[in-house]
Amino acid sequence: MLQVQGLTEIPPETKKVAQAAFPNGSLVMAIRDELGTVYIDEQFQDLFPGRGQPAVSPALLTLVIVLQFVEGLTNRQAANAVRGRIDWKYALGLEL
């Protein structure tokens, strides 16, 4: 079951901290700033059953895979980046 979520606005605190930490930006931040929302959950609607437990946003997961590829990271490194990197939280619209 897909609950449409998609990328959200960048939380104000995340935006403030990321811009302070990366005054010249970063590639990951530029991807979000220049491209905005690249994927939306509705694009993946047909891939999910109508019932069952809600899935994690496929648009968010797809962006993680793109960032992982761009930076040449392993799955574990990408998971760590989602948890610990300010620029990734910015790109994904996550709270710090």
Protein backbone atom coordinates (compact mmCIF):
# COMPACT_ATOMS: atom_id res chain seq x y z
CA MET A 1 0.00 0.00 0.00
CA LEU A 2 1.37 3.37 -0.97
CA GLN A 3 0.63 6.43 1.12
CA VAL A 4 1.59 9.34 -1.07
CA GLN A 5 4.23 11.41 0.73
CA GLY A 6 6.98 12.47 -1.63
CA LEU A 7 9.56 15.10 -0.90
CA THR A 8 8.52 17.79 1.50
CA GLU A 9 9.69 21.33 1.93
CA ILE A 10 13.10 21.57 3.52
CA PRO A 11 12.57 22.08 7.27
CA PRO A 12 13.68 25.60 8.30
CA GLU A 13 16.28 24.37 10.80
CA THR A 14 17.75 21.92 8.30
CA LYS A 15 17.96 24.68 5.69
CA LYS A 16 19.60 27.12 8.10
CA VAL A 17 22.20 24.63 9.38
CA ALA A 18 22.97 23.28 5.90
CA GLN A 19 23.49 26.75 4.47
CA ALA A 20 25.77 27.63 7.40
CA ALA A 21 27.74 24.38 7.07
CA PHE A 22 27.98 24.66 3.27
CA PRO A 23 28.07 28.40 2.45
CA ASN A 24 28.97 27.57 -1.15
CA GLY A 25 26.50 24.69 -1.25
CA SER A 26 27.31 21.12 -2.18
CA LEU A 27 26.50 18.93 -5.16
CA VAL A 28 23.80 17.16 -3.15
CA MET A 29 22.21 20.46 -2.12
CA ALA A 30 22.45 21.76 -5.69
CA ILE A 31 20.55 18.71 -6.94
CA ARG A 32 17.66 19.63 -4.63
CA ASP A 33 17.89 23.37 -5.32
CA GLU A 34 18.18 23.11 -9.10
CA LEU A 35 15.93 20.14 -9.79
CA GLY A 36 13.45 20.47 -6.95
CA THR A 37 11.19 17.45 -6.71
CA VAL A 38 12.56 14.99 -9.25
CA TYR A 39 10.27 12.09 -8.43
CA ILE A 40 6.77 11.98 -7.02
CA ASP A 41 5.15 9.02 -5.31
CA GLU A 42 2.30 8.92 -7.81
CA GLN A 43 4.78 7.79 -10.49
CA PHE A 44 5.15 4.54 -8.56
CA GLN A 45 1.48 4.01 -7.65
CA ASP A 46 0.97 1.05 -10.01
CA LEU A 47 3.85 -0.85 -8.39
CA PHE A 48 2.10 -1.10 -5.01
CA PRO A 49 -0.87 -3.19 -3.90
CA GLY A 50 -4.00 -1.48 -2.62
CA ARG A 51 -3.75 -2.99 0.85
CA GLY A 52 -1.10 -3.90 3.37
CA GLN A 53 1.37 -1.91 5.38
CA PRO A 54 2.25 1.54 4.09
CA ALA A 55 5.48 1.72 2.14
CA VAL A 56 8.30 4.19 2.59
CA SER A 57 8.09 6.94 0.00
CA PRO A 58 9.44 5.50 -3.28
CA ALA A 59 10.26 9.02 -4.48
CA LEU A 60 12.47 9.51 -1.42
CA LEU A 61 14.12 6.11 -1.85
CA THR A 62 14.74 6.80 -5.54
CA LEU A 63 16.48 10.06 -4.71
CA VAL A 64 18.64 8.22 -2.16
CA ILE A 65 19.67 5.77 -4.91
CA VAL A 66 20.52 8.65 -7.26
CA LEU A 67 22.63 10.37 -4.58
CA GLN A 68 24.28 7.04 -3.76
CA PHE A 69 25.25 6.60 -7.41
CA VAL A 70 26.49 10.18 -7.80
CA GLU A 71 28.77 9.78 -4.78
CA GLY A 72 29.78 6.17 -5.50
CA LEU A 73 28.60 4.92 -2.11
CA THR A 74 27.78 1.43 -0.91
CA ASN A 75 24.32 0.74 0.50
CA ARG A 76 25.64 1.02 4.04
CA GLN A 77 27.43 4.29 3.28
CA ALA A 78 24.25 5.70 1.73
CA ALA A 79 22.23 4.68 4.79
CA ASN A 80 24.82 6.39 7.00
CA ALA A 81 24.65 9.50 4.80
CA VAL A 82 20.86 9.67 5.25
CA ARG A 83 21.31 9.42 9.01
CA GLY A 84 24.28 11.71 9.46
CA ARG A 85 24.97 14.11 6.62
CA ILE A 86 23.42 17.55 6.74
CA ASP A 87 23.50 18.04 2.97
CA TRP A 88 21.67 14.75 2.42
CA LYS A 89 19.02 15.70 4.99
CA TYR A 90 18.64 18.99 3.11
CA ALA A 91 18.25 17.23 -0.24
CA LEU A 92 15.75 14.74 1.17
CA GLY A 93 13.79 17.33 3.15
CA LEU A 94 14.44 15.63 6.48
CA GLU A 95 14.65 17.07 9.98
CA LEU A 96 18.09 17.18 11.59
